[in-house]
Amino acid sequence: MWVYRTEVVIHKGGVLVLRGIPFREGERVEVIVLRQMKPQTTKYPLRNRPFQYHRPFDGVAEEDWEALQ
């Protein structure tokens, strides 16, 4: 099986035009059309968001350390 992938935009009236595909005239091909979905979540949702440190020099999770008890 030979796979060729391309991205195109659907024209008015639902017309899809494929040009320059690497197959010979008369070859049988299977066409599958998939809609590209927009990603719903971003990879870094907190990027460019303001943040503030409250007591930045305090210890973190000190109650979870057995050696300190």
PDB file of N, CA and C in Angstrom:
ATOM      1  N   MET A   1       0.853  -1.179   0.000  1.00  0.00           N
ATOM      2  CA  MET A   1       0.000   0.000   0.000  1.00  0.00           C
ATOM      3  C   MET A   1       0.894   1.235   0.000  1.00  0.00           C
ATOM      4  N   TRP A   2       0.596   2.155  -0.845  1.00  0.00           N
ATOM      5  CA  TRP A   2       1.318   3.407  -0.955  1.00  0.00           C
ATOM      6  C   TRP A   2       0.450   4.495  -0.358  1.00  0.00           C
ATOM      7  N   VAL A   3       0.968   5.315   0.558  1.00  0.00           N
ATOM      8  CA  VAL A   3       0.173   6.356   1.214  1.00  0.00           C
ATOM      9  C   VAL A   3       0.711   7.716   0.808  1.00  0.00           C
ATOM     10  N   TYR A   4      -0.189   8.606   0.445  1.00  0.00           N
ATOM     11  CA  TYR A   4       0.152   9.979   0.122  1.00  0.00           C
ATOM     12  C   TYR A   4      -0.755  10.864   0.943  1.00  0.00           C
ATOM     13  N   ARG A   5      -0.173  11.791   1.673  1.00  0.00           N
ATOM     14  CA  ARG A   5      -0.965  12.678   2.536  1.00  0.00           C
ATOM     15  C   ARG A   5      -0.815  14.108   2.070  1.00  0.00           C
ATOM     16  N   THR A   6      -1.916  14.827   2.038  1.00  0.00           N
ATOM     17  CA  THR A   6      -1.911  16.233   1.687  1.00  0.00           C
ATOM     18  C   THR A   6      -3.041  16.930   2.435  1.00  0.00           C
ATOM     19  N   GLU A   7      -2.936  18.233   2.559  1.00  0.00           N
ATOM     20  CA  GLU A   7      -3.999  19.013   3.193  1.00  0.00           C
ATOM     21  C   GLU A   7      -4.540  19.994   2.168  1.00  0.00           C
ATOM     22  N   VAL A   8      -5.844  20.051   2.041  1.00  0.00           N
ATOM     23  CA  VAL A   8      -6.499  20.964   1.108  1.00  0.00           C
ATOM     24  C   VAL A   8      -7.684  21.620   1.797  1.00  0.00           C
ATOM     25  N   VAL A   9      -8.215  22.643   1.169  1.00  0.00           N
ATOM     26  CA  VAL A   9      -9.392  23.345   1.675  1.00  0.00           C
ATOM     27  C   VAL A   9     -10.558  23.019   0.750  1.00  0.00           C
ATOM     28  N   ILE A  10     -11.698  22.737   1.329  1.00  0.00           N
ATOM     29  CA  ILE A  10     -12.894  22.447   0.548  1.00  0.00           C
ATOM     30  C   ILE A  10     -13.389  23.741  -0.083  1.00  0.00           C
ATOM     31  N   HIS A  11     -13.664  23.694  -1.377  1.00  0.00           N
ATOM     32  CA  HIS A  11     -14.154  24.863  -2.106  1.00  0.00           C
ATOM     33  C   HIS A  11     -15.667  24.993  -1.968  1.00  0.00           C
ATOM     34  N   LYS A  12     -16.183  26.096  -2.442  1.00  0.00           N
ATOM     35  CA  LYS A  12     -17.617  26.371  -2.399  1.00  0.00           C
ATOM     36  C   LYS A  12     -18.375  25.225  -3.058  1.00  0.00           C
ATOM     37  N   GLY A  13     -19.455  24.838  -2.442  1.00  0.00           N
ATOM     38  CA  GLY A  13     -20.267  23.758  -2.991  1.00  0.00           C
ATOM     39  C   GLY A  13     -19.745  22.380  -2.618  1.00  0.00           C
ATOM     40  N   GLY A  14     -18.770  22.302  -1.724  1.00  0.00           N
ATOM     41  CA  GLY A  14     -18.255  21.008  -1.290  1.00  0.00           C
ATOM     42  C   GLY A  14     -17.306  20.367  -2.284  1.00  0.00           C
ATOM     43  N   VAL A  15     -16.674  21.164  -3.125  1.00  0.00           N
ATOM     44  CA  VAL A  15     -15.774  20.634  -4.148  1.00  0.00           C
ATOM     45  C   VAL A  15     -14.378  20.456  -3.563  1.00  0.00           C
ATOM     46  N   LEU A  16     -13.802  19.291  -3.796  1.00  0.00           N
ATOM     47  CA  LEU A  16     -12.464  18.963  -3.332  1.00  0.00           C
ATOM     48  C   LEU A  16     -11.593  18.734  -4.555  1.00  0.00           C
ATOM     49  N   VAL A  17     -10.479  19.463  -4.655  1.00  0.00           N
ATOM     50  CA  VAL A  17      -9.585  19.351  -5.810  1.00  0.00           C
ATOM     51  C   VAL A  17      -8.225  18.871  -5.328  1.00  0.00           C
ATOM     52  N   LEU A  18      -7.744  17.766  -5.924  1.00  0.00           N
ATOM     53  CA  LEU A  18      -6.419  17.241  -5.631  1.00  0.00           C
ATOM     54  C   LEU A  18      -5.571  17.393  -6.883  1.00  0.00           C
ATOM     55  N   ARG A  19      -4.430  18.095  -6.742  1.00  0.00           N
ATOM     56  CA  ARG A  19      -3.547  18.291  -7.885  1.00  0.00           C
ATOM     57  C   ARG A  19      -2.167  17.766  -7.546  1.00  0.00           C
ATOM     58  N   GLY A  20      -1.480  17.259  -8.535  1.00  0.00           N
ATOM     59  CA  GLY A  20      -0.099  16.843  -8.371  1.00  0.00           C
ATOM     60  C   GLY A  20       0.093  15.607  -7.506  1.00  0.00           C
ATOM     61  N   ILE A  21      -0.892  14.732  -7.455  1.00  0.00           N
ATOM     62  CA  ILE A  21      -0.728  13.524  -6.653  1.00  0.00           C
ATOM     63  C   ILE A  21       0.182  12.545  -7.401  1.00  0.00           C
ATOM     64  N   PRO A  22       0.981  11.773  -6.680  1.00  0.00           N
ATOM     65  CA  PRO A  22       2.002  10.931  -7.310  1.00  0.00           C
ATOM     66  C   PRO A  22       1.498   9.570  -7.784  1.00  0.00           C
ATOM     67  N   PHE A  23       0.395   9.554  -8.499  1.00  0.00           N
ATOM     68  CA  PHE A  23      -0.135   8.308  -9.027  1.00  0.00           C
ATOM     69  C   PHE A  23      -0.318   8.456 -10.526  1.00  0.00           C
ATOM     70  N   ARG A  24      -0.307   7.327 -11.218  1.00  0.00           N
ATOM     71  CA  ARG A  24      -0.466   7.360 -12.671  1.00  0.00           C
ATOM     72  C   ARG A  24      -1.933   7.354 -13.063  1.00  0.00           C
ATOM     73  N   GLU A  25      -2.174   7.875 -14.223  1.00  0.00           N
ATOM     74  CA  GLU A  25      -3.535   7.888 -14.764  1.00  0.00           C
ATOM     75  C   GLU A  25      -4.042   6.458 -14.900  1.00  0.00           C
ATOM     76  N   GLY A  26      -5.251   6.240 -14.450  1.00  0.00           N
ATOM     77  CA  GLY A  26      -5.865   4.918 -14.541  1.00  0.00           C
ATOM     78  C   GLY A  26      -5.680   4.061 -13.301  1.00  0.00           C
ATOM     79  N   GLU A  27      -4.812   4.470 -12.381  1.00  0.00           N
ATOM     80  CA  GLU A  27      -4.626   3.697 -11.151  1.00  0.00           C
ATOM     81  C   GLU A  27      -5.852   3.833 -10.264  1.00  0.00           C
ATOM     82  N   ARG A  28      -6.178   2.750  -9.560  1.00  0.00           N
ATOM     83  CA  ARG A  28      -7.284   2.793  -8.605  1.00  0.00           C
ATOM     84  C   ARG A  28      -6.735   3.260  -7.264  1.00  0.00           C
ATOM     85  N   VAL A  29      -7.403   4.220  -6.653  1.00  0.00           N
ATOM     86  CA  VAL A  29      -7.002   4.746  -5.348  1.00  0.00           C
ATOM     87  C   VAL A  29      -8.210   4.796  -4.435  1.00  0.00           C
ATOM     88  N   GLU A  30      -7.947   4.770  -3.149  1.00  0.00           N
ATOM     89  CA  GLU A  30      -8.993   4.930  -2.145  1.00  0.00           C
ATOM     90  C   GLU A  30      -8.836   6.308  -1.527  1.00  0.00           C
ATOM     91  N   VAL A  31      -9.917   7.047  -1.394  1.00  0.00           N
ATOM     92  CA  VAL A  31      -9.879   8.394  -0.842  1.00  0.00           C
ATOM     93  C   VAL A  31     -10.646   8.394   0.473  1.00  0.00           C
ATOM     94  N   ILE A  32      -9.962   8.825   1.540  1.00  0.00           N
ATOM     95  CA  ILE A  32     -10.580   8.965   2.857  1.00  0.00           C
ATOM     96  C   ILE A  32     -10.444  10.429   3.253  1.00  0.00           C
ATOM     97  N   VAL A  33     -11.537  11.060   3.634  1.00  0.00           N
ATOM     98  CA  VAL A  33     -11.524  12.477   3.985  1.00  0.00           C
ATOM     99  C   VAL A  33     -11.744  12.605   5.481  1.00  0.00           C
ATOM    100  N   LEU A  34     -10.798  13.274   6.153  1.00  0.00           N
ATOM    101  CA  LEU A  34     -10.879  13.486   7.599  1.00  0.00           C
ATOM    102  C   LEU A  34     -10.887  14.975   7.882  1.00  0.00           C
ATOM    103  N   ARG A  35     -11.772  15.420   8.743  1.00  0.00           N
ATOM    104  CA  ARG A  35     -11.803  16.825   9.156  1.00  0.00           C
ATOM    105  C   ARG A  35     -10.725  17.036  10.209  1.00  0.00           C
ATOM    106  N   GLN A  36      -9.981  18.110  10.085  1.00  0.00           N
ATOM    107  CA  GLN A  36      -8.984  18.440  11.094  1.00  0.00           C
ATOM    108  C   GLN A  36      -9.685  19.136  12.247  1.00  0.00           C
ATOM    109  N   MET A  37      -9.517  18.593  13.427  1.00  0.00           N
ATOM    110  CA  MET A  37     -10.135  19.159  14.612  1.00  0.00           C
ATOM    111  C   MET A  37      -9.136  20.083  15.291  1.00  0.00           C
ATOM    112  N   LYS A  38      -9.627  21.179  15.835  1.00  0.00           N
ATOM    113  CA  LYS A  38      -8.781  22.088  16.592  1.00  0.00           C
ATOM    114  C   LYS A  38      -8.494  21.465  17.955  1.00  0.00           C
ATOM    115  N   PRO A  39      -7.258  21.565  18.421  1.00  0.00           N
ATOM    116  CA  PRO A  39      -6.976  21.012  19.747  1.00  0.00           C
ATOM    117  C   PRO A  39      -7.775  21.745  20.818  1.00  0.00           C
ATOM    118  N   GLN A  40      -8.357  20.986  21.729  1.00  0.00           N
ATOM    119  CA  GLN A  40      -9.196  21.589  22.761  1.00  0.00           C
ATOM    120  C   GLN A  40      -8.390  22.031  23.976  1.00  0.00           C
ATOM    121  N   THR A  41      -7.258  21.414  24.183  1.00  0.00           N
ATOM    122  CA  THR A  41      -6.416  21.810  25.302  1.00  0.00           C
ATOM    123  C   THR A  41      -5.052  22.213  24.754  1.00  0.00           C
ATOM    124  N   THR A  42      -4.450  23.151  25.415  1.00  0.00           N
ATOM    125  CA  THR A  42      -3.123  23.558  25.003  1.00  0.00           C
ATOM    126  C   THR A  42      -2.091  22.744  25.767  1.00  0.00           C
ATOM    127  N   LYS A  43      -0.916  22.625  25.203  1.00  0.00           N
ATOM    128  CA  LYS A  43       0.129  21.841  25.836  1.00  0.00           C
ATOM    129  C   LYS A  43       0.606  22.485  27.134  1.00  0.00           C
ATOM    130  N   TYR A  44       0.627  23.807  27.172  1.00  0.00           N
ATOM    131  CA  TYR A  44       1.063  24.540  28.357  1.00  0.00           C
ATOM    132  C   TYR A  44      -0.030  25.541  28.752  1.00  0.00           C
ATOM    133  N   PRO A  45      -1.045  25.099  29.486  1.00  0.00           N
ATOM    134  CA  PRO A  45      -2.181  25.978  29.772  1.00  0.00           C
ATOM    135  C   PRO A  45      -1.851  27.181  30.655  1.00  0.00           C
ATOM    136  N   LEU A  46      -0.753  27.146  31.408  1.00  0.00           N
ATOM    137  CA  LEU A  46      -0.419  28.264  32.293  1.00  0.00           C
ATOM    138  C   LEU A  46       0.586  29.227  31.680  1.00  0.00           C
ATOM    139  N   ARG A  47       1.015  28.967  30.461  1.00  0.00           N
ATOM    140  CA  ARG A  47       1.991  29.848  29.820  1.00  0.00           C
ATOM    141  C   ARG A  47       1.395  31.240  29.623  1.00  0.00           C
ATOM    142  N   ASN A  48       2.200  32.265  29.918  1.00  0.00           N
ATOM    143  CA  ASN A  48       1.820  33.676  29.790  1.00  0.00           C
ATOM    144  C   ASN A  48       0.706  34.086  30.748  1.00  0.00           C
ATOM    145  N   ARG A  49       0.507  33.325  31.810  1.00  0.00           N
ATOM    146  CA  ARG A  49      -0.460  33.690  32.836  1.00  0.00           C
ATOM    147  C   ARG A  49       0.296  34.307  34.008  1.00  0.00           C
ATOM    148  N   PRO A  50      -0.273  35.305  34.667  1.00  0.00           N
ATOM    149  CA  PRO A  50       0.412  35.885  35.828  1.00  0.00           C
ATOM    150  C   PRO A  50       0.427  34.897  37.001  1.00  0.00           C
ATOM    151  N   PHE A  51       1.502  34.938  37.785  1.00  0.00           N
ATOM    152  CA  PHE A  51       1.583  34.090  38.969  1.00  0.00           C
ATOM    153  C   PHE A  51       2.244  34.874  40.089  1.00  0.00           C
ATOM    154  N   GLN A  52       2.038  34.401  41.293  1.00  0.00           N
ATOM    155  CA  GLN A  52       2.550  35.101  42.455  1.00  0.00           C
ATOM    156  C   GLN A  52       2.967  34.049  43.488  1.00  0.00           C
ATOM    157  N   TYR A  53       4.146  34.244  44.059  1.00  0.00           N
ATOM    158  CA  TYR A  53       4.628  33.336  45.099  1.00  0.00           C
ATOM    159  C   TYR A  53       4.205  33.865  46.461  1.00  0.00           C
ATOM    160  N   HIS A  54       3.606  33.005  47.255  1.00  0.00           N
ATOM    161  CA  HIS A  54       3.267  33.330  48.636  1.00  0.00           C
ATOM    162  C   HIS A  54       4.272  32.595  49.514  1.00  0.00           C
ATOM    163  N   ARG A  55       5.044  33.303  50.287  1.00  0.00           N
ATOM    164  CA  ARG A  55       6.076  32.734  51.156  1.00  0.00           C
ATOM    165  C   ARG A  55       7.010  31.808  50.355  1.00  0.00           C
ATOM    166  N   PRO A  56       7.780  32.347  49.431  1.00  0.00           N
ATOM    167  CA  PRO A  56       8.596  31.512  48.535  1.00  0.00           C
ATOM    168  C   PRO A  56       9.717  30.752  49.224  1.00  0.00           C
ATOM    169  N   PHE A  57      10.120  31.146  50.432  1.00  0.00           N
ATOM    170  CA  PHE A  57      11.236  30.476  51.088  1.00  0.00           C
ATOM    171  C   PHE A  57      10.794  29.458  52.137  1.00  0.00           C
ATOM    172  N   ASP A  58       9.506  29.241  52.275  1.00  0.00           N
ATOM    173  CA  ASP A  58       9.008  28.222  53.197  1.00  0.00           C
ATOM    174  C   ASP A  58       9.234  26.837  52.589  1.00  0.00           C
ATOM    175  N   GLY A  59       9.297  25.849  53.452  1.00  0.00           N
ATOM    176  CA  GLY A  59       9.449  24.477  52.984  1.00  0.00           C
ATOM    177  C   GLY A  59       8.173  23.974  52.317  1.00  0.00           C
ATOM    178  N   VAL A  60       8.339  22.946  51.532  1.00  0.00           N
ATOM    179  CA  VAL A  60       7.204  22.367  50.812  1.00  0.00           C
ATOM    180  C   VAL A  60       6.988  20.943  51.307  1.00  0.00           C
ATOM    181  N   ALA A  61       5.803  20.636  51.732  1.00  0.00           N
ATOM    182  CA  ALA A  61       5.400  19.294  52.162  1.00  0.00           C
ATOM    183  C   ALA A  61       6.303  18.744  53.257  1.00  0.00           C
ATOM    184  N   GLU A  62       6.672  19.557  54.226  1.00  0.00           N
ATOM    185  CA  GLU A  62       7.552  19.109  55.305  1.00  0.00           C
ATOM    186  C   GLU A  62       6.907  18.005  56.137  1.00  0.00           C
ATOM    187  N   GLU A  63       5.587  17.996  56.239  1.00  0.00           N
ATOM    188  CA  GLU A  63       4.907  16.961  57.027  1.00  0.00           C
ATOM    189  C   GLU A  63       5.013  15.580  56.388  1.00  0.00           C
ATOM    190  N   ASP A  64       5.396  15.507  55.130  1.00  0.00           N
ATOM    191  CA  ASP A  64       5.527  14.218  54.446  1.00  0.00           C
ATOM    192  C   ASP A  64       6.904  13.585  54.621  1.00  0.00           C
ATOM    193  N   TRP A  65       7.879  14.300  55.177  1.00  0.00           N
ATOM    194  CA  TRP A  65       9.234  13.777  55.359  1.00  0.00           C
ATOM    195  C   TRP A  65       9.309  13.055  56.694  1.00  0.00           C
ATOM    196  N   GLU A  66       9.613  11.784  56.689  1.00  0.00           N
ATOM    197  CA  GLU A  66       9.713  10.998  57.925  1.00  0.00           C
ATOM    198  C   GLU A  66      10.910  11.434  58.755  1.00  0.00           C
ATOM    199  N   ALA A  67      11.992  11.857  58.098  1.00  0.00           N
ATOM    200  CA  ALA A  67      13.211  12.231  58.821  1.00  0.00           C
ATOM    201  C   ALA A  67      13.009  13.456  59.681  1.00  0.00           C
ATOM    202  N   LEU A  68      12.072  14.310  59.364  1.00  0.00           N
ATOM    203  CA  LEU A  68      11.845  15.529  60.133  1.00  0.00           C
ATOM    204  C   LEU A  68      10.915  15.282  61.323  1.00  0.00           C
ATOM    205  N   GLN A  69      10.323  14.133  61.426  1.00  0.00           N
ATOM    206  CA  GLN A  69       9.375  13.857  62.502  1.00  0.00           C
ATOM    207  C   GLN A  69      10.041  13.160  63.673  1.00  0.00           C
TER     208      GLN A  69
END
